[in-house]
Amino acid sequence: MNYKELFNKMAFLLSSPARFWEKEATEGQGNRMMSEYVYPLIGLCGLAEFIGTFIGRDISSEFFQWALTRCCAVAVALFGGFFLAAYLLDKITWRWFDKYVSKEKMQVFVGYSMTVLFVLDIVNGLISIEILHWILQLYTIVVVFEGARKFLGIPENRLTSYTLVATVLILLSPGVIEFIFNRLSVILN
């Protein structure tokens, strides 16, 4: 995996979503996007959470276990949230918006639309910015709007409602999975 290319792609998407989605619509990667973009970013989010747990603390077995649990929670939440959001958006796009989008194309859309979450989780894992983290997630609306318009081809009269539904699903799916994971880890401990 070329991390320089990964970070350049993230910067391009965040700085110019409209141009990014136009380029992706014409020369997209398909299934390679998951292994070359989504999975490495999920790994970086988990690693940042693991390292961030030890910042300013003494290393002990309790903190090591807590760091591993936090790392797993973030990775499972993002991984499960990615597939849950892609699945739900696929069903919603077909039923509510009368538009067929292939499963592969929907996964590309959700994967790139989660970029804001990935970046914020990496930064938040190292430096606690909880309030700013929640505020900056709103930029996902811009990324989703441009992706729905230029990549998925959602009609203009349904674009606003689709953007809102997709943004809510993309932002809430990882949170729901993380909540369930944390509750189960407490119960199982």
N, C-alpha and C. Protein backbone atom coordinates (compact mmCIF):
# COMPACT_ATOMS: atom_id res chain seq x y z
N MET A 1 0.84 -1.19 0.00
CA MET A 1 0.00 0.00 0.00
C MET A 1 0.87 1.23 0.00
N ASN A 2 0.56 2.15 -0.87
CA ASN A 2 1.29 3.41 -0.98
C ASN A 2 0.56 4.46 -0.15
N TYR A 3 1.11 4.75 1.03
CA TYR A 3 0.43 5.68 1.95
C TYR A 3 0.51 7.12 1.47
N LYS A 4 1.55 7.45 0.70
CA LYS A 4 1.63 8.80 0.14
C LYS A 4 0.46 9.04 -0.81
N GLU A 5 0.17 8.06 -1.64
CA GLU A 5 -0.97 8.15 -2.56
C GLU A 5 -2.29 8.20 -1.79
N LEU A 6 -2.37 7.42 -0.72
CA LEU A 6 -3.56 7.40 0.11
C LEU A 6 -3.84 8.78 0.71
N PHE A 7 -2.81 9.41 1.29
CA PHE A 7 -2.98 10.73 1.89
C PHE A 7 -3.25 11.80 0.83
N ASN A 8 -2.65 11.66 -0.35
CA ASN A 8 -2.94 12.62 -1.44
C ASN A 8 -4.40 12.51 -1.88
N LYS A 9 -4.90 11.28 -1.94
CA LYS A 9 -6.31 11.07 -2.32
C LYS A 9 -7.24 11.66 -1.27
N MET A 10 -6.90 11.46 0.01
CA MET A 10 -7.71 12.04 1.09
C MET A 10 -7.71 13.56 1.01
N ALA A 11 -6.55 14.14 0.80
CA ALA A 11 -6.44 15.60 0.71
C ALA A 11 -7.23 16.14 -0.48
N PHE A 12 -7.16 15.44 -1.61
CA PHE A 12 -7.89 15.87 -2.80
C PHE A 12 -9.39 15.80 -2.56
N LEU A 13 -9.85 14.73 -1.92
CA LEU A 13 -11.28 14.58 -1.64
C LEU A 13 -11.77 15.66 -0.68
N LEU A 14 -11.01 15.92 0.36
CA LEU A 14 -11.44 16.90 1.36
C LEU A 14 -11.32 18.34 0.86
N SER A 15 -10.36 18.61 -0.01
CA SER A 15 -10.18 19.99 -0.48
C SER A 15 -11.07 20.32 -1.67
N SER A 16 -11.40 19.33 -2.48
CA SER A 16 -12.22 19.59 -3.66
C SER A 16 -13.13 18.39 -3.95
N PRO A 17 -14.20 18.24 -3.18
CA PRO A 17 -15.06 17.06 -3.36
C PRO A 17 -15.69 16.97 -4.76
N ALA A 18 -16.07 18.09 -5.33
CA ALA A 18 -16.72 18.05 -6.65
C ALA A 18 -15.77 17.51 -7.71
N ARG A 19 -14.55 18.00 -7.75
CA ARG A 19 -13.57 17.52 -8.73
C ARG A 19 -13.19 16.07 -8.46
N PHE A 20 -13.09 15.70 -7.18
CA PHE A 20 -12.76 14.32 -6.85
C PHE A 20 -13.82 13.36 -7.37
N TRP A 21 -15.11 13.67 -7.12
CA TRP A 21 -16.17 12.77 -7.54
C TRP A 21 -16.30 12.71 -9.06
N GLU A 22 -16.03 13.82 -9.75
CA GLU A 22 -16.02 13.79 -11.22
C GLU A 22 -14.95 12.84 -11.73
N LYS A 23 -13.77 12.95 -11.14
CA LYS A 23 -12.66 12.08 -11.55
C LYS A 23 -12.98 10.62 -11.22
N GLU A 24 -13.54 10.38 -10.07
CA GLU A 24 -13.89 9.01 -9.66
C GLU A 24 -14.96 8.41 -10.56
N ALA A 25 -15.89 9.24 -11.03
CA ALA A 25 -16.94 8.74 -11.92
C ALA A 25 -16.38 8.29 -13.26
N THR A 26 -15.32 8.94 -13.71
CA THR A 26 -14.76 8.59 -15.02
C THR A 26 -13.69 7.50 -14.94
N GLU A 27 -12.89 7.50 -13.89
CA GLU A 27 -11.80 6.53 -13.81
C GLU A 27 -11.74 5.85 -12.45
N GLY A 28 -12.86 5.33 -12.00
CA GLY A 28 -12.95 4.73 -10.67
C GLY A 28 -12.16 3.45 -10.51
N GLN A 29 -11.91 3.07 -9.25
CA GLN A 29 -11.11 1.89 -8.93
C GLN A 29 -11.93 0.64 -8.70
N GLY A 30 -13.19 0.77 -8.39
CA GLY A 30 -14.01 -0.41 -8.11
C GLY A 30 -13.63 -1.06 -6.80
N ASN A 31 -13.52 -2.39 -6.81
CA ASN A 31 -13.24 -3.14 -5.59
C ASN A 31 -11.87 -2.83 -4.99
N ARG A 32 -10.93 -2.37 -5.78
CA ARG A 32 -9.61 -2.03 -5.25
C ARG A 32 -9.70 -0.91 -4.22
N MET A 33 -10.73 -0.09 -4.30
CA MET A 33 -10.87 1.02 -3.37
C MET A 33 -10.92 0.53 -1.94
N MET A 34 -11.58 -0.59 -1.70
CA MET A 34 -11.70 -1.08 -0.33
C MET A 34 -10.34 -1.50 0.22
N SER A 35 -9.59 -2.27 -0.54
CA SER A 35 -8.30 -2.76 -0.05
C SER A 35 -7.22 -1.69 -0.08
N GLU A 36 -7.37 -0.68 -0.92
CA GLU A 36 -6.34 0.35 -1.03
C GLU A 36 -6.70 1.66 -0.34
N TYR A 37 -7.92 1.76 0.16
CA TYR A 37 -8.33 3.02 0.79
C TYR A 37 -9.03 2.79 2.14
N VAL A 38 -10.15 2.08 2.12
CA VAL A 38 -10.96 1.93 3.34
C VAL A 38 -10.23 1.10 4.40
N TYR A 39 -9.74 -0.06 4.04
CA TYR A 39 -9.11 -0.93 5.04
C TYR A 39 -7.85 -0.31 5.65
N PRO A 40 -6.95 0.29 4.85
CA PRO A 40 -5.80 0.96 5.48
C PRO A 40 -6.20 2.10 6.41
N LEU A 41 -7.24 2.86 6.05
CA LEU A 41 -7.68 3.95 6.92
C LEU A 41 -8.31 3.43 8.21
N ILE A 42 -9.03 2.33 8.13
CA ILE A 42 -9.57 1.72 9.35
C ILE A 42 -8.41 1.28 10.24
N GLY A 43 -7.39 0.69 9.65
CA GLY A 43 -6.22 0.28 10.42
C GLY A 43 -5.51 1.47 11.06
N LEU A 44 -5.39 2.56 10.32
CA LEU A 44 -4.76 3.77 10.88
C LEU A 44 -5.58 4.36 12.02
N CYS A 45 -6.89 4.30 11.89
CA CYS A 45 -7.76 4.79 12.98
C CYS A 45 -7.57 3.95 14.23
N GLY A 46 -7.52 2.64 14.08
CA GLY A 46 -7.30 1.76 15.22
C GLY A 46 -5.93 1.97 15.84
N LEU A 47 -4.92 2.13 15.00
CA LEU A 47 -3.56 2.37 15.49
C LEU A 47 -3.47 3.70 16.23
N ALA A 48 -4.09 4.73 15.70
CA ALA A 48 -4.09 6.04 16.36
C ALA A 48 -4.78 5.95 17.72
N GLU A 49 -5.87 5.22 17.79
CA GLU A 49 -6.57 5.05 19.07
C GLU A 49 -5.71 4.28 20.06
N PHE A 50 -5.01 3.26 19.58
CA PHE A 50 -4.13 2.46 20.44
C PHE A 50 -2.99 3.32 20.99
N ILE A 51 -2.33 4.07 20.12
CA ILE A 51 -1.21 4.92 20.55
C ILE A 51 -1.71 6.05 21.44
N GLY A 52 -2.84 6.64 21.07
CA GLY A 52 -3.38 7.75 21.84
C GLY A 52 -3.77 7.38 23.26
N THR A 53 -4.07 6.13 23.49
CA THR A 53 -4.44 5.68 24.82
C THR A 53 -3.25 5.82 25.79
N PHE A 54 -2.05 5.64 25.27
CA PHE A 54 -0.86 5.68 26.12
C PHE A 54 -0.28 7.08 26.31
N ILE A 55 -0.73 8.06 25.53
CA ILE A 55 -0.17 9.40 25.64
C ILE A 55 -0.53 10.00 26.99
N GLY A 56 0.49 10.37 27.74
CA GLY A 56 0.30 10.98 29.05
C GLY A 56 -0.01 10.01 30.17
N ARG A 57 0.16 8.71 29.93
CA ARG A 57 -0.14 7.72 30.95
C ARG A 57 1.03 6.75 31.09
N ASP A 58 1.10 6.12 32.22
CA ASP A 58 2.10 5.07 32.42
C ASP A 58 1.62 3.80 31.74
N ILE A 59 2.56 3.04 31.21
CA ILE A 59 2.20 1.79 30.55
C ILE A 59 2.04 0.72 31.62
N SER A 60 0.87 0.14 31.66
CA SER A 60 0.59 -0.95 32.58
C SER A 60 -0.29 -1.97 31.86
N SER A 61 -0.49 -3.10 32.48
CA SER A 61 -1.30 -4.13 31.84
C SER A 61 -2.75 -3.70 31.68
N GLU A 62 -3.26 -2.91 32.64
CA GLU A 62 -4.65 -2.43 32.54
C GLU A 62 -4.81 -1.47 31.36
N PHE A 63 -3.83 -0.56 31.22
CA PHE A 63 -3.92 0.38 30.10
C PHE A 63 -3.71 -0.32 28.77
N PHE A 64 -2.86 -1.35 28.77
CA PHE A 64 -2.65 -2.10 27.53
C PHE A 64 -3.94 -2.79 27.11
N GLN A 65 -4.63 -3.41 28.06
CA GLN A 65 -5.91 -4.06 27.75
C GLN A 65 -6.94 -3.03 27.30
N TRP A 66 -6.98 -1.89 27.97
CA TRP A 66 -7.91 -0.84 27.59
C TRP A 66 -7.59 -0.30 26.20
N ALA A 67 -6.29 -0.15 25.90
CA ALA A 67 -5.88 0.32 24.58
C ALA A 67 -6.28 -0.67 23.49
N LEU A 68 -6.10 -1.94 23.74
CA LEU A 68 -6.51 -2.95 22.77
C LEU A 68 -8.03 -2.95 22.57
N THR A 69 -8.76 -2.80 23.66
CA THR A 69 -10.22 -2.76 23.56
C THR A 69 -10.67 -1.54 22.76
N ARG A 70 -10.08 -0.38 23.03
CA ARG A 70 -10.43 0.84 22.29
C ARG A 70 -10.06 0.70 20.80
N CYS A 71 -8.90 0.14 20.54
CA CYS A 71 -8.45 -0.07 19.16
C CYS A 71 -9.44 -0.97 18.42
N CYS A 72 -9.81 -2.06 19.05
CA CYS A 72 -10.78 -2.98 18.44
C CYS A 72 -12.14 -2.33 18.27
N ALA A 73 -12.56 -1.54 19.25
CA ALA A 73 -13.87 -0.88 19.16
C ALA A 73 -13.92 0.06 17.96
N VAL A 74 -12.86 0.84 17.77
CA VAL A 74 -12.83 1.77 16.63
C VAL A 74 -12.78 1.02 15.32
N ALA A 75 -11.94 -0.01 15.23
CA ALA A 75 -11.82 -0.77 13.98
C ALA A 75 -13.12 -1.50 13.64
N VAL A 76 -13.72 -2.15 14.63
CA VAL A 76 -14.97 -2.87 14.40
C VAL A 76 -16.10 -1.90 14.04
N ALA A 77 -16.13 -0.74 14.72
CA ALA A 77 -17.17 0.25 14.44
C ALA A 77 -17.06 0.78 13.02
N LEU A 78 -15.87 1.12 12.59
CA LEU A 78 -15.70 1.65 11.24
C LEU A 78 -15.93 0.58 10.17
N PHE A 79 -15.42 -0.62 10.43
CA PHE A 79 -15.61 -1.71 9.48
C PHE A 79 -17.08 -2.08 9.36
N GLY A 80 -17.71 -2.32 10.50
CA GLY A 80 -19.14 -2.67 10.49
C GLY A 80 -20.00 -1.52 10.02
N GLY A 81 -19.65 -0.30 10.42
CA GLY A 81 -20.40 0.88 9.99
C GLY A 81 -20.33 1.10 8.49
N PHE A 82 -19.17 0.80 7.91
CA PHE A 82 -19.02 0.91 6.46
C PHE A 82 -19.99 -0.02 5.74
N PHE A 83 -20.00 -1.29 6.13
CA PHE A 83 -20.86 -2.25 5.45
C PHE A 83 -22.34 -2.04 5.79
N LEU A 84 -22.63 -1.64 7.02
CA LEU A 84 -24.02 -1.36 7.39
C LEU A 84 -24.56 -0.17 6.60
N ALA A 85 -23.79 0.90 6.52
CA ALA A 85 -24.22 2.08 5.77
C ALA A 85 -24.37 1.76 4.29
N ALA A 86 -23.44 0.99 3.72
CA ALA A 86 -23.53 0.63 2.30
C ALA A 86 -24.77 -0.23 2.04
N TYR A 87 -25.05 -1.16 2.92
CA TYR A 87 -26.23 -2.02 2.76
C TYR A 87 -27.52 -1.21 2.87
N LEU A 88 -27.63 -0.40 3.92
CA LEU A 88 -28.85 0.39 4.11
C LEU A 88 -29.06 1.40 3.00
N LEU A 89 -27.98 2.05 2.58
CA LEU A 89 -28.11 3.02 1.47
C LEU A 89 -28.50 2.33 0.17
N ASP A 90 -27.98 1.13 -0.05
CA ASP A 90 -28.36 0.38 -1.24
C ASP A 90 -29.85 0.12 -1.26
N LYS A 91 -30.40 -0.32 -0.13
CA LYS A 91 -31.84 -0.59 -0.04
C LYS A 91 -32.66 0.69 -0.14
N ILE A 92 -32.22 1.73 0.54
CA ILE A 92 -32.96 3.00 0.52
C ILE A 92 -32.93 3.65 -0.86
N THR A 93 -31.78 3.59 -1.51
CA THR A 93 -31.66 4.19 -2.85
C THR A 93 -32.60 3.50 -3.82
N TRP A 94 -32.72 2.21 -3.71
CA TRP A 94 -33.59 1.45 -4.61
C TRP A 94 -35.07 1.68 -4.29
N ARG A 95 -35.44 1.64 -3.02
CA ARG A 95 -36.86 1.72 -2.66
C ARG A 95 -37.41 3.13 -2.61
N TRP A 96 -36.70 4.06 -2.00
CA TRP A 96 -37.23 5.40 -1.80
C TRP A 96 -36.92 6.34 -2.95
N PHE A 97 -35.80 6.12 -3.62
CA PHE A 97 -35.38 7.07 -4.64
C PHE A 97 -35.42 6.48 -6.05
N ASP A 98 -35.94 5.27 -6.18
CA ASP A 98 -36.12 4.60 -7.48
C ASP A 98 -34.88 4.67 -8.36
N LYS A 99 -33.73 4.43 -7.77
CA LYS A 99 -32.48 4.47 -8.52
C LYS A 99 -31.70 3.22 -8.19
N TYR A 100 -31.32 2.45 -9.22
CA TYR A 100 -30.49 1.28 -8.99
C TYR A 100 -29.03 1.68 -9.05
N VAL A 101 -28.30 1.31 -8.00
CA VAL A 101 -26.86 1.53 -7.96
C VAL A 101 -26.25 0.19 -7.59
N SER A 102 -25.24 -0.24 -8.33
CA SER A 102 -24.61 -1.53 -8.03
C SER A 102 -24.01 -1.52 -6.63
N LYS A 103 -23.90 -2.69 -6.05
CA LYS A 103 -23.35 -2.83 -4.70
C LYS A 103 -21.92 -2.29 -4.64
N GLU A 104 -21.15 -2.57 -5.67
CA GLU A 104 -19.76 -2.10 -5.74
C GLU A 104 -19.69 -0.58 -5.76
N LYS A 105 -20.54 0.03 -6.57
CA LYS A 105 -20.55 1.49 -6.67
C LYS A 105 -21.00 2.13 -5.36
N MET A 106 -21.97 1.51 -4.69
CA MET A 106 -22.44 2.03 -3.40
C MET A 106 -21.34 1.94 -2.36
N GLN A 107 -20.57 0.87 -2.37
CA GLN A 107 -19.46 0.73 -1.42
C GLN A 107 -18.38 1.78 -1.68
N VAL A 108 -18.13 2.08 -2.94
CA VAL A 108 -17.17 3.14 -3.27
C VAL A 108 -17.68 4.48 -2.74
N PHE A 109 -18.96 4.74 -2.96
CA PHE A 109 -19.56 5.99 -2.49
C PHE A 109 -19.46 6.12 -0.97
N VAL A 110 -19.83 5.08 -0.25
CA VAL A 110 -19.79 5.12 1.21
C VAL A 110 -18.36 5.19 1.71
N GLY A 111 -17.46 4.43 1.11
CA GLY A 111 -16.06 4.44 1.54
C GLY A 111 -15.43 5.81 1.44
N TYR A 112 -15.61 6.46 0.32
CA TYR A 112 -15.04 7.80 0.17
C TYR A 112 -15.81 8.83 1.00
N SER A 113 -17.09 8.63 1.19
CA SER A 113 -17.87 9.57 1.99
C SER A 113 -17.51 9.49 3.47
N MET A 114 -16.92 8.39 3.89
CA MET A 114 -16.49 8.24 5.28
C MET A 114 -15.12 8.86 5.54
N THR A 115 -14.52 9.48 4.55
CA THR A 115 -13.17 10.05 4.70
C THR A 115 -13.10 11.04 5.85
N VAL A 116 -14.11 11.88 6.01
CA VAL A 116 -14.11 12.85 7.11
C VAL A 116 -14.06 12.12 8.44
N LEU A 117 -14.84 11.05 8.57
CA LEU A 117 -14.81 10.24 9.80
C LEU A 117 -13.44 9.63 10.04
N PHE A 118 -12.83 9.10 8.98
CA PHE A 118 -11.51 8.50 9.12
C PHE A 118 -10.49 9.51 9.62
N VAL A 119 -10.46 10.66 8.99
CA VAL A 119 -9.49 11.69 9.39
C VAL A 119 -9.73 12.14 10.83
N LEU A 120 -10.98 12.39 11.16
CA LEU A 120 -11.28 12.83 12.52
C LEU A 120 -10.99 11.75 13.56
N ASP A 121 -11.21 10.50 13.22
CA ASP A 121 -10.90 9.42 14.16
C ASP A 121 -9.39 9.27 14.36
N ILE A 122 -8.62 9.47 13.30
CA ILE A 122 -7.16 9.40 13.43
C ILE A 122 -6.67 10.52 14.34
N VAL A 123 -7.13 11.74 14.08
CA VAL A 123 -6.71 12.88 14.90
C VAL A 123 -7.24 12.75 16.33
N ASN A 124 -8.50 12.37 16.48
CA ASN A 124 -9.10 12.25 17.80
C ASN A 124 -8.48 11.10 18.61
N GLY A 125 -7.97 10.10 17.92
CA GLY A 125 -7.30 9.02 18.63
C GLY A 125 -6.01 9.48 19.29
N LEU A 126 -5.34 10.43 18.66
CA LEU A 126 -4.07 10.93 19.20
C LEU A 126 -4.25 12.13 20.12
N ILE A 127 -5.17 13.01 19.75
CA ILE A 127 -5.42 14.22 20.53
C ILE A 127 -6.93 14.29 20.75
N SER A 128 -7.35 14.40 21.99
CA SER A 128 -8.78 14.43 22.28
C SER A 128 -9.39 15.77 21.86
N ILE A 129 -10.26 15.70 20.85
CA ILE A 129 -10.96 16.89 20.34
C ILE A 129 -12.45 16.57 20.18
N GLU A 130 -13.06 16.05 21.20
CA GLU A 130 -14.43 15.53 21.11
C GLU A 130 -15.44 16.53 20.53
N ILE A 131 -15.49 17.74 21.06
CA ILE A 131 -16.48 18.71 20.57
C ILE A 131 -16.19 19.09 19.13
N LEU A 132 -14.93 19.37 18.83
CA LEU A 132 -14.54 19.71 17.47
C LEU A 132 -14.78 18.52 16.53
N HIS A 133 -14.60 17.33 17.03
CA HIS A 133 -14.84 16.11 16.26
C HIS A 133 -16.29 16.06 15.78
N TRP A 134 -17.24 16.37 16.66
CA TRP A 134 -18.65 16.33 16.29
C TRP A 134 -19.01 17.45 15.33
N ILE A 135 -18.42 18.62 15.51
CA ILE A 135 -18.71 19.75 14.63
C ILE A 135 -18.16 19.51 13.23
N LEU A 136 -16.93 19.04 13.13
CA LEU A 136 -16.29 18.84 11.83
C LEU A 136 -16.91 17.70 11.02
N GLN A 137 -17.66 16.82 11.68
CA GLN A 137 -18.33 15.76 10.95
C GLN A 137 -19.36 16.30 9.97
N LEU A 138 -19.80 17.52 10.20
CA LEU A 138 -20.79 18.12 9.31
C LEU A 138 -20.27 18.32 7.89
N TYR A 139 -18.94 18.34 7.73
CA TYR A 139 -18.37 18.46 6.39
C TYR A 139 -18.71 17.23 5.53
N THR A 140 -19.10 16.16 6.18
CA THR A 140 -19.52 14.96 5.45
C THR A 140 -20.69 15.29 4.53
N ILE A 141 -21.52 16.23 4.92
CA ILE A 141 -22.67 16.64 4.08
C ILE A 141 -22.19 17.10 2.71
N VAL A 142 -21.13 17.89 2.68
CA VAL A 142 -20.59 18.40 1.41
C VAL A 142 -20.07 17.24 0.56
N VAL A 143 -19.32 16.34 1.18
CA VAL A 143 -18.75 15.21 0.44
C VAL A 143 -19.86 14.32 -0.10
N VAL A 144 -20.87 14.05 0.70
CA VAL A 144 -21.98 13.19 0.28
C VAL A 144 -22.80 13.88 -0.82
N PHE A 145 -23.05 15.17 -0.67
CA PHE A 145 -23.81 15.91 -1.67
C PHE A 145 -23.14 15.83 -3.04
N GLU A 146 -21.85 16.12 -3.07
CA GLU A 146 -21.14 16.09 -4.36
C GLU A 146 -21.07 14.67 -4.92
N GLY A 147 -20.89 13.68 -4.03
CA GLY A 147 -20.85 12.30 -4.50
C GLY A 147 -22.18 11.82 -5.03
N ALA A 148 -23.25 12.20 -4.36
CA ALA A 148 -24.59 11.80 -4.82
C ALA A 148 -24.91 12.46 -6.16
N ARG A 149 -24.47 13.68 -6.32
CA ARG A 149 -24.76 14.42 -7.56
C ARG A 149 -23.89 13.95 -8.72
N LYS A 150 -22.59 13.86 -8.51
CA LYS A 150 -21.67 13.60 -9.62
C LYS A 150 -21.34 12.13 -9.81
N PHE A 151 -21.35 11.34 -8.74
CA PHE A 151 -20.96 9.94 -8.83
C PHE A 151 -22.17 9.02 -8.98
N LEU A 152 -23.19 9.21 -8.15
CA LEU A 152 -24.37 8.35 -8.22
C LEU A 152 -25.41 8.85 -9.20
N GLY A 153 -25.39 10.12 -9.53
CA GLY A 153 -26.36 10.67 -10.47
C GLY A 153 -27.77 10.78 -9.92
N ILE A 154 -27.88 11.11 -8.65
CA ILE A 154 -29.20 11.30 -8.04
C ILE A 154 -29.83 12.55 -8.67
N PRO A 155 -31.11 12.49 -9.07
CA PRO A 155 -31.75 13.66 -9.69
C PRO A 155 -31.79 14.85 -8.73
N GLU A 156 -31.72 16.04 -9.30
CA GLU A 156 -31.66 17.29 -8.53
C GLU A 156 -32.85 17.45 -7.57
N ASN A 157 -34.04 17.02 -7.99
CA ASN A 157 -35.22 17.20 -7.13
C ASN A 157 -35.19 16.30 -5.89
N ARG A 158 -34.35 15.29 -5.86
CA ARG A 158 -34.26 14.40 -4.71
C ARG A 158 -32.88 14.46 -4.04
N LEU A 159 -32.04 15.32 -4.52
CA LEU A 159 -30.66 15.37 -4.06
C LEU A 159 -30.54 15.79 -2.60
N THR A 160 -31.29 16.76 -2.17
CA THR A 160 -31.19 17.23 -0.79
C THR A 160 -31.63 16.16 0.20
N SER A 161 -32.77 15.53 -0.07
CA SER A 161 -33.25 14.49 0.84
C SER A 161 -32.31 13.29 0.84
N TYR A 162 -31.79 12.92 -0.32
CA TYR A 162 -30.84 11.80 -0.39
C TYR A 162 -29.57 12.13 0.38
N THR A 163 -29.08 13.35 0.23
CA THR A 163 -27.87 13.77 0.94
C THR A 163 -28.06 13.68 2.45
N LEU A 164 -29.19 14.14 2.94
CA LEU A 164 -29.44 14.10 4.38
C LEU A 164 -29.55 12.67 4.90
N VAL A 165 -30.28 11.82 4.18
CA VAL A 165 -30.43 10.43 4.60
C VAL A 165 -29.08 9.72 4.57
N ALA A 166 -28.33 9.90 3.48
CA ALA A 166 -27.03 9.23 3.36
C ALA A 166 -26.05 9.72 4.41
N THR A 167 -26.04 11.02 4.68
CA THR A 167 -25.13 11.56 5.70
C THR A 167 -25.45 11.01 7.07
N VAL A 168 -26.72 10.97 7.42
CA VAL A 168 -27.11 10.44 8.73
C VAL A 168 -26.69 8.97 8.85
N LEU A 169 -26.92 8.18 7.82
CA LEU A 169 -26.54 6.76 7.87
C LEU A 169 -25.03 6.59 7.96
N ILE A 170 -24.29 7.38 7.19
CA ILE A 170 -22.82 7.27 7.20
C ILE A 170 -22.25 7.69 8.54
N LEU A 171 -22.82 8.70 9.16
CA LEU A 171 -22.31 9.16 10.45
C LEU A 171 -22.77 8.29 11.62
N LEU A 172 -23.99 7.79 11.57
CA LEU A 172 -24.53 7.04 12.71
C LEU A 172 -24.18 5.55 12.72
N SER A 173 -23.98 4.96 11.56
CA SER A 173 -23.71 3.51 11.51
C SER A 173 -22.50 3.11 12.34
N PRO A 174 -21.34 3.77 12.19
CA PRO A 174 -20.21 3.39 13.06
C PRO A 174 -20.49 3.64 14.53
N GLY A 175 -21.22 4.69 14.85
CA GLY A 175 -21.54 4.98 16.25
C GLY A 175 -22.42 3.90 16.87
N VAL A 176 -23.38 3.41 16.13
CA VAL A 176 -24.26 2.35 16.62
C VAL A 176 -23.46 1.07 16.85
N ILE A 177 -22.62 0.72 15.89
CA ILE A 177 -21.79 -0.49 16.02
C ILE A 177 -20.84 -0.35 17.22
N GLU A 178 -20.23 0.81 17.39
CA GLU A 178 -19.31 1.02 18.51
C GLU A 178 -20.06 0.93 19.85
N PHE A 179 -21.25 1.50 19.91
CA PHE A 179 -22.05 1.43 21.13
C PHE A 179 -22.34 -0.03 21.50
N ILE A 180 -22.76 -0.82 20.52
CA ILE A 180 -23.05 -2.24 20.76
C ILE A 180 -21.78 -2.98 21.17
N PHE A 181 -20.67 -2.71 20.48
CA PHE A 181 -19.41 -3.36 20.82
C PHE A 181 -18.98 -3.05 22.25
N ASN A 182 -19.08 -1.78 22.63
CA ASN A 182 -18.67 -1.38 23.99
C ASN A 182 -19.57 -2.03 25.05
N ARG A 183 -20.88 -2.10 24.78
CA ARG A 183 -21.78 -2.74 25.73
C ARG A 183 -21.47 -4.24 25.86
N LEU A 184 -21.20 -4.88 24.73
CA LEU A 184 -20.88 -6.31 24.77
C LEU A 184 -19.54 -6.56 25.47
N SER A 185 -18.57 -5.69 25.24
CA SER A 185 -17.27 -5.89 25.89
C SER A 185 -17.37 -5.71 27.40
N VAL A 186 -18.23 -4.81 27.86
CA VAL A 186 -18.44 -4.66 29.30
C VAL A 186 -19.13 -5.89 29.87
N ILE A 187 -20.13 -6.38 29.16
CA ILE A 187 -20.87 -7.56 29.63
C ILE A 187 -19.95 -8.78 29.66
N LEU A 188 -19.12 -8.94 28.62
CA LEU A 188 -18.27 -10.13 28.52
C LEU A 188 -17.07 -10.08 29.46
N ASN A 189 -16.71 -8.89 29.94
CA ASN A 189 -15.61 -8.80 30.90
C ASN A 189 -16.12 -9.16 32.25
